[in-house]
Amino acid sequence: MLPCDERRFKPADLDGDQTATREEFTAFLPPEEFGHMKEIVVWETLEDISKNGDGLVCQAEYTADMFSHEEDGPEPDWVLSEREQFNEF
């Protein structure tokens, strides 16, 4: 089992028998719908966004997750707004 799948399966396996009932498998895929799976969703999201692997999200990582500056020219106004919100909150 891949480490990320194993990390997700352990909290989904409510009875700890290392097999998946229909309910447990449903919590495994997709976990967002189940309260007992919220922590794993948060950790997976942090891993996806934090490109330098420190487990924290800096402003550059936050905006890069939403907007890729591939073209020449200015950033859209909404990107500036997101940067301001990131700094404020």
PDB file of N, CA and C in Angstrom:
ATOM      1  N   MET A   1       0.855  -1.178   0.000  1.00  0.00           N
ATOM      2  CA  MET A   1       0.000   0.000   0.000  1.00  0.00           C
ATOM      3  C   MET A   1       0.894   1.231   0.000  1.00  0.00           C
ATOM      4  N   LEU A   2       0.545   2.203  -0.805  1.00  0.00           N
ATOM      5  CA  LEU A   2       1.308   3.438  -0.849  1.00  0.00           C
ATOM      6  C   LEU A   2       1.164   4.176   0.473  1.00  0.00           C
ATOM      7  N   PRO A   3       2.223   4.879   0.907  1.00  0.00           N
ATOM      8  CA  PRO A   3       2.156   5.577   2.202  1.00  0.00           C
ATOM      9  C   PRO A   3       0.965   6.526   2.333  1.00  0.00           C
ATOM     10  N   CYS A   4       0.647   7.266   1.279  1.00  0.00           N
ATOM     11  CA  CYS A   4      -0.485   8.197   1.381  1.00  0.00           C
ATOM     12  C   CYS A   4      -1.808   7.442   1.472  1.00  0.00           C
ATOM     13  N   ASP A   5      -1.938   6.313   0.774  1.00  0.00           N
ATOM     14  CA  ASP A   5      -3.156   5.510   0.871  1.00  0.00           C
ATOM     15  C   ASP A   5      -3.279   4.879   2.253  1.00  0.00           C
ATOM     16  N   GLU A   6      -2.167   4.411   2.777  1.00  0.00           N
ATOM     17  CA  GLU A   6      -2.187   3.811   4.113  1.00  0.00           C
ATOM     18  C   GLU A   6      -2.571   4.847   5.165  1.00  0.00           C
ATOM     19  N   ARG A   7      -2.019   6.037   5.041  1.00  0.00           N
ATOM     20  CA  ARG A   7      -2.339   7.110   5.985  1.00  0.00           C
ATOM     21  C   ARG A   7      -3.820   7.446   5.920  1.00  0.00           C
ATOM     22  N   ARG A   8      -4.409   7.412   4.743  1.00  0.00           N
ATOM     23  CA  ARG A   8      -5.828   7.709   4.582  1.00  0.00           C
ATOM     24  C   ARG A   8      -6.696   6.526   5.028  1.00  0.00           C
ATOM     25  N   PHE A   9      -6.222   5.296   4.797  1.00  0.00           N
ATOM     26  CA  PHE A   9      -7.031   4.121   5.124  1.00  0.00           C
ATOM     27  C   PHE A   9      -7.192   3.931   6.627  1.00  0.00           C
ATOM     28  N   LYS A  10      -6.155   4.202   7.396  1.00  0.00           N
ATOM     29  CA  LYS A  10      -6.220   3.952   8.840  1.00  0.00           C
ATOM     30  C   LYS A  10      -7.387   4.667   9.516  1.00  0.00           C
ATOM     31  N   PRO A  11      -7.603   5.970   9.306  1.00  0.00           N
ATOM     32  CA  PRO A  11      -8.773   6.574   9.949  1.00  0.00           C
ATOM     33  C   PRO A  11     -10.098   6.156   9.303  1.00  0.00           C
ATOM     34  N   ALA A  12     -10.070   5.740   8.043  1.00  0.00           N
ATOM     35  CA  ALA A  12     -11.307   5.286   7.388  1.00  0.00           C
ATOM     36  C   ALA A  12     -11.747   3.926   7.916  1.00  0.00           C
ATOM     37  N   ASP A  13     -10.791   3.107   8.342  1.00  0.00           N
ATOM     38  CA  ASP A  13     -11.061   1.755   8.851  1.00  0.00           C
ATOM     39  C   ASP A  13     -11.555   1.854  10.299  1.00  0.00           C
ATOM     40  N   LEU A  14     -12.825   2.179  10.468  1.00  0.00           N
ATOM     41  CA  LEU A  14     -13.386   2.477  11.784  1.00  0.00           C
ATOM     42  C   LEU A  14     -13.280   1.326  12.776  1.00  0.00           C
ATOM     43  N   ASP A  15     -13.423   0.084  12.317  1.00  0.00           N
ATOM     44  CA  ASP A  15     -13.355  -1.040  13.245  1.00  0.00           C
ATOM     45  C   ASP A  15     -11.951  -1.624  13.371  1.00  0.00           C
ATOM     46  N   GLY A  16     -10.989  -1.091  12.609  1.00  0.00           N
ATOM     47  CA  GLY A  16      -9.585  -1.501  12.728  1.00  0.00           C
ATOM     48  C   GLY A  16      -9.286  -2.910  12.273  1.00  0.00           C
ATOM     49  N   ASP A  17     -10.159  -3.516  11.465  1.00  0.00           N
ATOM     50  CA  ASP A  17      -9.924  -4.896  11.046  1.00  0.00           C
ATOM     51  C   ASP A  17      -9.120  -5.007   9.755  1.00  0.00           C
ATOM     52  N   GLN A  18      -8.642  -3.904   9.231  1.00  0.00           N
ATOM     53  CA  GLN A  18      -7.809  -3.818   8.025  1.00  0.00           C
ATOM     54  C   GLN A  18      -8.517  -4.307   6.759  1.00  0.00           C
ATOM     55  N   THR A  19      -9.849  -4.320   6.805  1.00  0.00           N
ATOM     56  CA  THR A  19     -10.649  -4.544   5.616  1.00  0.00           C
ATOM     57  C   THR A  19     -11.628  -3.378   5.529  1.00  0.00           C
ATOM     58  N   ALA A  20     -12.209  -3.185   4.379  1.00  0.00           N
ATOM     59  CA  ALA A  20     -13.088  -2.028   4.198  1.00  0.00           C
ATOM     60  C   ALA A  20     -14.522  -2.462   3.951  1.00  0.00           C
ATOM     61  N   THR A  21     -15.400  -2.003   4.817  1.00  0.00           N
ATOM     62  CA  THR A  21     -16.819  -2.140   4.547  1.00  0.00           C
ATOM     63  C   THR A  21     -17.177  -1.098   3.493  1.00  0.00           C
ATOM     64  N   ARG A  22     -18.389  -1.128   3.007  1.00  0.00           N
ATOM     65  CA  ARG A  22     -18.815  -0.138   2.015  1.00  0.00           C
ATOM     66  C   ARG A  22     -18.692   1.272   2.591  1.00  0.00           C
ATOM     67  N   GLU A  23     -19.129   1.455   3.851  1.00  0.00           N
ATOM     68  CA  GLU A  23     -19.045   2.770   4.488  1.00  0.00           C
ATOM     69  C   GLU A  23     -17.592   3.224   4.642  1.00  0.00           C
ATOM     70  N   GLU A  24     -16.725   2.309   5.051  1.00  0.00           N
ATOM     71  CA  GLU A  24     -15.310   2.655   5.230  1.00  0.00           C
ATOM     72  C   GLU A  24     -14.653   2.993   3.892  1.00  0.00           C
ATOM     73  N   PHE A  25     -14.969   2.236   2.864  1.00  0.00           N
ATOM     74  CA  PHE A  25     -14.382   2.539   1.561  1.00  0.00           C
ATOM     75  C   PHE A  25     -14.881   3.877   1.042  1.00  0.00           C
ATOM     76  N   THR A  26     -16.141   4.170   1.311  1.00  0.00           N
ATOM     77  CA  THR A  26     -16.699   5.452   0.899  1.00  0.00           C
ATOM     78  C   THR A  26     -15.992   6.592   1.625  1.00  0.00           C
ATOM     79  N   ALA A  27     -15.603   6.389   2.875  1.00  0.00           N
ATOM     80  CA  ALA A  27     -14.844   7.408   3.613  1.00  0.00           C
ATOM     81  C   ALA A  27     -13.423   7.539   3.065  1.00  0.00           C
ATOM     82  N   PHE A  28     -12.904   6.455   2.520  1.00  0.00           N
ATOM     83  CA  PHE A  28     -11.564   6.467   1.929  1.00  0.00           C
ATOM     84  C   PHE A  28     -11.565   7.265   0.626  1.00  0.00           C
ATOM     85  N   LEU A  29     -12.611   7.073  -0.190  1.00  0.00           N
ATOM     86  CA  LEU A  29     -12.751   7.767  -1.474  1.00  0.00           C
ATOM     87  C   LEU A  29     -14.156   8.308  -1.622  1.00  0.00           C
ATOM     88  N   PRO A  30     -14.482   9.515  -1.551  1.00  0.00           N
ATOM     89  CA  PRO A  30     -13.692  10.679  -1.183  1.00  0.00           C
ATOM     90  C   PRO A  30     -13.843  10.987   0.309  1.00  0.00           C
ATOM     91  N   PRO A  31     -12.774  11.316   0.982  1.00  0.00           N
ATOM     92  CA  PRO A  31     -12.828  11.527   2.436  1.00  0.00           C
ATOM     93  C   PRO A  31     -13.482  12.837   2.864  1.00  0.00           C
ATOM     94  N   GLU A  32     -13.650  13.780   1.960  1.00  0.00           N
ATOM     95  CA  GLU A  32     -14.171  15.108   2.311  1.00  0.00           C
ATOM     96  C   GLU A  32     -15.569  15.060   2.915  1.00  0.00           C
ATOM     97  N   GLU A  33     -16.307  14.006   2.657  1.00  0.00           N
ATOM     98  CA  GLU A  33     -17.698  13.903   3.087  1.00  0.00           C
ATOM     99  C   GLU A  33     -17.865  13.387   4.515  1.00  0.00           C
ATOM    100  N   PHE A  34     -16.774  13.015   5.182  1.00  0.00           N
ATOM    101  CA  PHE A  34     -16.864  12.363   6.482  1.00  0.00           C
ATOM    102  C   PHE A  34     -16.073  13.129   7.534  1.00  0.00           C
ATOM    103  N   GLY A  35     -16.749  13.445   8.645  1.00  0.00           N
ATOM    104  CA  GLY A  35     -16.136  14.231   9.712  1.00  0.00           C
ATOM    105  C   GLY A  35     -14.867  13.621  10.268  1.00  0.00           C
ATOM    106  N   HIS A  36     -14.834  12.301  10.436  1.00  0.00           N
ATOM    107  CA  HIS A  36     -13.645  11.668  11.012  1.00  0.00           C
ATOM    108  C   HIS A  36     -12.456  11.653  10.048  1.00  0.00           C
ATOM    109  N   MET A  37     -12.671  12.098   8.817  1.00  0.00           N
ATOM    110  CA  MET A  37     -11.595  12.122   7.823  1.00  0.00           C
ATOM    111  C   MET A  37     -11.055  13.527   7.566  1.00  0.00           C
ATOM    112  N   LYS A  38     -11.612  14.546   8.244  1.00  0.00           N
ATOM    113  CA  LYS A  38     -11.224  15.929   7.961  1.00  0.00           C
ATOM    114  C   LYS A  38      -9.741  16.187   8.172  1.00  0.00           C
ATOM    115  N   GLU A  39      -9.167  15.645   9.215  1.00  0.00           N
ATOM    116  CA  GLU A  39      -7.746  15.897   9.489  1.00  0.00           C
ATOM    117  C   GLU A  39      -6.857  15.401   8.351  1.00  0.00           C
ATOM    118  N   ILE A  40      -7.170  14.235   7.819  1.00  0.00           N
ATOM    119  CA  ILE A  40      -6.357  13.698   6.729  1.00  0.00           C
ATOM    120  C   ILE A  40      -6.510  14.553   5.476  1.00  0.00           C
ATOM    121  N   VAL A  41      -7.694  15.093   5.243  1.00  0.00           N
ATOM    122  CA  VAL A  41      -7.917  15.972   4.091  1.00  0.00           C
ATOM    123  C   VAL A  41      -7.072  17.237   4.235  1.00  0.00           C
ATOM    124  N   VAL A  42      -7.010  17.781   5.448  1.00  0.00           N
ATOM    125  CA  VAL A  42      -6.199  18.976   5.691  1.00  0.00           C
ATOM    126  C   VAL A  42      -4.731  18.676   5.421  1.00  0.00           C
ATOM    127  N   TRP A  43      -4.221  17.557   5.932  1.00  0.00           N
ATOM    128  CA  TRP A  43      -2.808  17.218   5.717  1.00  0.00           C
ATOM    129  C   TRP A  43      -2.501  16.996   4.241  1.00  0.00           C
ATOM    130  N   GLU A  44      -3.391  16.320   3.532  1.00  0.00           N
ATOM    131  CA  GLU A  44      -3.167  16.091   2.102  1.00  0.00           C
ATOM    132  C   GLU A  44      -3.172  17.407   1.327  1.00  0.00           C
ATOM    133  N   THR A  45      -4.046  18.315   1.697  1.00  0.00           N
ATOM    134  CA  THR A  45      -4.103  19.623   1.029  1.00  0.00           C
ATOM    135  C   THR A  45      -2.826  20.406   1.290  1.00  0.00           C
ATOM    136  N   LEU A  46      -2.357  20.401   2.538  1.00  0.00           N
ATOM    137  CA  LEU A  46      -1.098  21.087   2.850  1.00  0.00           C
ATOM    138  C   LEU A  46       0.064  20.502   2.065  1.00  0.00           C
ATOM    139  N   GLU A  47       0.116  19.186   1.951  1.00  0.00           N
ATOM    140  CA  GLU A  47       1.186  18.554   1.179  1.00  0.00           C
ATOM    141  C   GLU A  47       1.116  18.957  -0.293  1.00  0.00           C
ATOM    142  N   ASP A  48      -0.075  19.056  -0.830  1.00  0.00           N
ATOM    143  CA  ASP A  48      -0.237  19.428  -2.240  1.00  0.00           C
ATOM    144  C   ASP A  48       0.195  20.866  -2.506  1.00  0.00           C
ATOM    145  N   ILE A  49      -0.142  21.772  -1.601  1.00  0.00           N
ATOM    146  CA  ILE A  49       0.133  23.192  -1.824  1.00  0.00           C
ATOM    147  C   ILE A  49       1.540  23.575  -1.415  1.00  0.00           C
ATOM    148  N   SER A  50       2.060  22.998  -0.339  1.00  0.00           N
ATOM    149  CA  SER A  50       3.392  23.345   0.158  1.00  0.00           C
ATOM    150  C   SER A  50       4.451  22.656  -0.697  1.00  0.00           C
ATOM    151  N   LYS A  51       4.926  23.349  -1.694  1.00  0.00           N
ATOM    152  CA  LYS A  51       5.875  22.764  -2.649  1.00  0.00           C
ATOM    153  C   LYS A  51       7.268  22.544  -2.068  1.00  0.00           C
ATOM    154  N   ASN A  52       7.635  23.326  -1.028  1.00  0.00           N
ATOM    155  CA  ASN A  52       8.964  23.145  -0.454  1.00  0.00           C
ATOM    156  C   ASN A  52       8.979  22.089   0.645  1.00  0.00           C
ATOM    157  N   GLY A  53       7.829  21.486   0.939  1.00  0.00           N
ATOM    158  CA  GLY A  53       7.769  20.367   1.861  1.00  0.00           C
ATOM    159  C   GLY A  53       7.845  20.717   3.332  1.00  0.00           C
ATOM    160  N   ASP A  54       7.716  21.995   3.679  1.00  0.00           N
ATOM    161  CA  ASP A  54       7.816  22.352   5.093  1.00  0.00           C
ATOM    162  C   ASP A  54       6.482  22.233   5.829  1.00  0.00           C
ATOM    163  N   GLY A  55       5.406  21.877   5.117  1.00  0.00           N
ATOM    164  CA  GLY A  55       4.106  21.713   5.745  1.00  0.00           C
ATOM    165  C   GLY A  55       3.385  23.017   6.019  1.00  0.00           C
ATOM    166  N   LEU A  56       3.955  24.121   5.584  1.00  0.00           N
ATOM    167  CA  LEU A  56       3.342  25.434   5.733  1.00  0.00           C
ATOM    168  C   LEU A  56       3.059  26.000   4.350  1.00  0.00           C
ATOM    169  N   VAL A  57       2.108  26.908   4.274  1.00  0.00           N
ATOM    170  CA  VAL A  57       1.764  27.516   2.990  1.00  0.00           C
ATOM    171  C   VAL A  57       2.163  28.980   3.023  1.00  0.00           C
ATOM    172  N   CYS A  58       3.142  29.342   2.201  1.00  0.00           N
ATOM    173  CA  CYS A  58       3.543  30.745   2.089  1.00  0.00           C
ATOM    174  C   CYS A  58       2.686  31.404   1.008  1.00  0.00           C
ATOM    175  N   GLN A  59       2.785  32.713   0.926  1.00  0.00           N
ATOM    176  CA  GLN A  59       1.972  33.461  -0.032  1.00  0.00           C
ATOM    177  C   GLN A  59       2.217  32.996  -1.470  1.00  0.00           C
ATOM    178  N   ALA A  60       3.460  32.775  -1.830  1.00  0.00           N
ATOM    179  CA  ALA A  60       3.781  32.347  -3.200  1.00  0.00           C
ATOM    180  C   ALA A  60       3.155  30.990  -3.518  1.00  0.00           C
ATOM    181  N   GLU A  61       3.199  30.057  -2.572  1.00  0.00           N
ATOM    182  CA  GLU A  61       2.604  28.741  -2.782  1.00  0.00           C
ATOM    183  C   GLU A  61       1.077  28.849  -2.882  1.00  0.00           C
ATOM    184  N   TYR A  62       0.510  29.707  -2.059  1.00  0.00           N
ATOM    185  CA  TYR A  62      -0.941  29.903  -2.057  1.00  0.00           C
ATOM    186  C   TYR A  62      -1.430  30.432  -3.405  1.00  0.00           C
ATOM    187  N   THR A  63      -0.785  31.473  -3.898  1.00  0.00           N
ATOM    188  CA  THR A  63      -1.237  32.043  -5.169  1.00  0.00           C
ATOM    189  C   THR A  63      -0.876  31.136  -6.348  1.00  0.00           C
ATOM    190  N   ALA A  64       0.251  30.453  -6.284  1.00  0.00           N
ATOM    191  CA  ALA A  64       0.645  29.551  -7.370  1.00  0.00           C
ATOM    192  C   ALA A  64      -0.334  28.398  -7.517  1.00  0.00           C
ATOM    193  N   ASP A  65      -0.998  28.017  -6.413  1.00  0.00           N
ATOM    194  CA  ASP A  65      -1.980  26.942  -6.471  1.00  0.00           C
ATOM    195  C   ASP A  65      -3.212  27.360  -7.270  1.00  0.00           C
ATOM    196  N   MET A  66      -3.487  28.665  -7.323  1.00  0.00           N
ATOM    197  CA  MET A  66      -4.679  29.169  -8.004  1.00  0.00           C
ATOM    198  C   MET A  66      -4.394  29.789  -9.364  1.00  0.00           C
ATOM    199  N   PHE A  67      -3.168  30.317  -9.537  1.00  0.00           N
ATOM    200  CA  PHE A  67      -2.872  31.084 -10.739  1.00  0.00           C
ATOM    201  C   PHE A  67      -1.446  30.805 -11.187  1.00  0.00           C
ATOM    202  N   SER A  68      -1.299  30.444 -12.438  1.00  0.00           N
ATOM    203  CA  SER A  68       0.019  30.230 -13.017  1.00  0.00           C
ATOM    204  C   SER A  68       0.291  31.362 -13.992  1.00  0.00           C
ATOM    205  N   HIS A  69       1.327  32.120 -13.728  1.00  0.00           N
ATOM    206  CA  HIS A  69       1.655  33.289 -14.551  1.00  0.00           C
ATOM    207  C   HIS A  69       2.432  32.823 -15.781  1.00  0.00           C
ATOM    208  N   GLU A  70       1.689  32.334 -16.781  1.00  0.00           N
ATOM    209  CA  GLU A  70       2.313  31.778 -17.974  1.00  0.00           C
ATOM    210  C   GLU A  70       2.472  32.781 -19.101  1.00  0.00           C
ATOM    211  N   GLU A  71       1.663  33.815 -19.096  1.00  0.00           N
ATOM    212  CA  GLU A  71       1.711  34.797 -20.175  1.00  0.00           C
ATOM    213  C   GLU A  71       2.417  36.060 -19.703  1.00  0.00           C
ATOM    214  N   ASP A  72       2.976  36.810 -20.655  1.00  0.00           N
ATOM    215  CA  ASP A  72       3.530  38.114 -20.317  1.00  0.00           C
ATOM    216  C   ASP A  72       2.375  39.056 -20.020  1.00  0.00           C
ATOM    217  N   GLY A  73       2.617  39.984 -19.125  1.00  0.00           N
ATOM    218  CA  GLY A  73       1.576  40.949 -18.795  1.00  0.00           C
ATOM    219  C   GLY A  73       1.263  40.940 -17.321  1.00  0.00           C
ATOM    220  N   PRO A  74       0.388  41.819 -16.928  1.00  0.00           N
ATOM    221  CA  PRO A  74       0.066  41.947 -15.505  1.00  0.00           C
ATOM    222  C   PRO A  74      -0.800  40.795 -14.993  1.00  0.00           C
ATOM    223  N   GLU A  75      -0.740  40.608 -13.699  1.00  0.00           N
ATOM    224  CA  GLU A  75      -1.608  39.624 -13.064  1.00  0.00           C
ATOM    225  C   GLU A  75      -3.038  40.158 -13.030  1.00  0.00           C
ATOM    226  N   PRO A  76      -4.005  39.282 -13.063  1.00  0.00           N
ATOM    227  CA  PRO A  76      -5.386  39.740 -12.929  1.00  0.00           C
ATOM    228  C   PRO A  76      -5.620  40.368 -11.546  1.00  0.00           C
ATOM    229  N   ASP A  77      -6.607  41.232 -11.458  1.00  0.00           N
ATOM    230  CA  ASP A  77      -6.916  41.906 -10.199  1.00  0.00           C
ATOM    231  C   ASP A  77      -7.243  40.927  -9.080  1.00  0.00           C
ATOM    232  N   TRP A  78      -7.880  39.815  -9.401  1.00  0.00           N
ATOM    233  CA  TRP A  78      -8.270  38.881  -8.364  1.00  0.00           C
ATOM    234  C   TRP A  78      -7.056  38.262  -7.676  1.00  0.00           C
ATOM    235  N   VAL A  79      -5.924  38.151  -8.377  1.00  0.00           N
ATOM    236  CA  VAL A  79      -4.715  37.601  -7.754  1.00  0.00           C
ATOM    237  C   VAL A  79      -4.203  38.561  -6.678  1.00  0.00           C
ATOM    238  N   LEU A  80      -4.192  39.854  -6.976  1.00  0.00           N
ATOM    239  CA  LEU A  80      -3.806  40.852  -5.982  1.00  0.00           C
ATOM    240  C   LEU A  80      -4.734  40.784  -4.779  1.00  0.00           C
ATOM    241  N   SER A  81      -6.020  40.642  -5.019  1.00  0.00           N
ATOM    242  CA  SER A  81      -6.995  40.525  -3.941  1.00  0.00           C
ATOM    243  C   SER A  81      -6.714  39.291  -3.077  1.00  0.00           C
ATOM    244  N   GLU A  82      -6.379  38.180  -3.703  1.00  0.00           N
ATOM    245  CA  GLU A  82      -6.057  36.957  -2.958  1.00  0.00           C
ATOM    246  C   GLU A  82      -4.781  37.135  -2.126  1.00  0.00           C
ATOM    247  N   ARG A  83      -3.784  37.822  -2.679  1.00  0.00           N
ATOM    248  CA  ARG A  83      -2.558  38.095  -1.914  1.00  0.00           C
ATOM    249  C   ARG A  83      -2.872  38.922  -0.664  1.00  0.00           C
ATOM    250  N   GLU A  84      -3.710  39.950  -0.842  1.00  0.00           N
ATOM    251  CA  GLU A  84      -4.084  40.798   0.291  1.00  0.00           C
ATOM    252  C   GLU A  84      -4.839  39.991   1.344  1.00  0.00           C
ATOM    253  N   GLN A  85      -5.750  39.154   0.918  1.00  0.00           N
ATOM    254  CA  GLN A  85      -6.495  38.313   1.865  1.00  0.00           C
ATOM    255  C   GLN A  85      -5.576  37.345   2.582  1.00  0.00           C
ATOM    256  N   PHE A  86      -4.622  36.781   1.865  1.00  0.00           N
ATOM    257  CA  PHE A  86      -3.673  35.858   2.491  1.00  0.00           C
ATOM    258  C   PHE A  86      -2.915  36.578   3.601  1.00  0.00           C
ATOM    259  N   ASN A  87      -2.433  37.774   3.317  1.00  0.00           N
ATOM    260  CA  ASN A  87      -1.663  38.535   4.313  1.00  0.00           C
ATOM    261  C   ASN A  87      -2.538  38.944   5.500  1.00  0.00           C
ATOM    262  N   GLU A  88      -3.795  39.259   5.231  1.00  0.00           N
ATOM    263  CA  GLU A  88      -4.690  39.722   6.293  1.00  0.00           C
ATOM    264  C   GLU A  88      -5.128  38.571   7.204  1.00  0.00           C
ATOM    265  N   PHE A  89      -5.451  37.458   6.602  1.00  0.00           N
ATOM    266  CA  PHE A  89      -6.002  36.347   7.400  1.00  0.00           C
ATOM    267  C   PHE A  89      -4.978  35.282   7.708  1.00  0.00           C
TER     268      PHE A  89
END
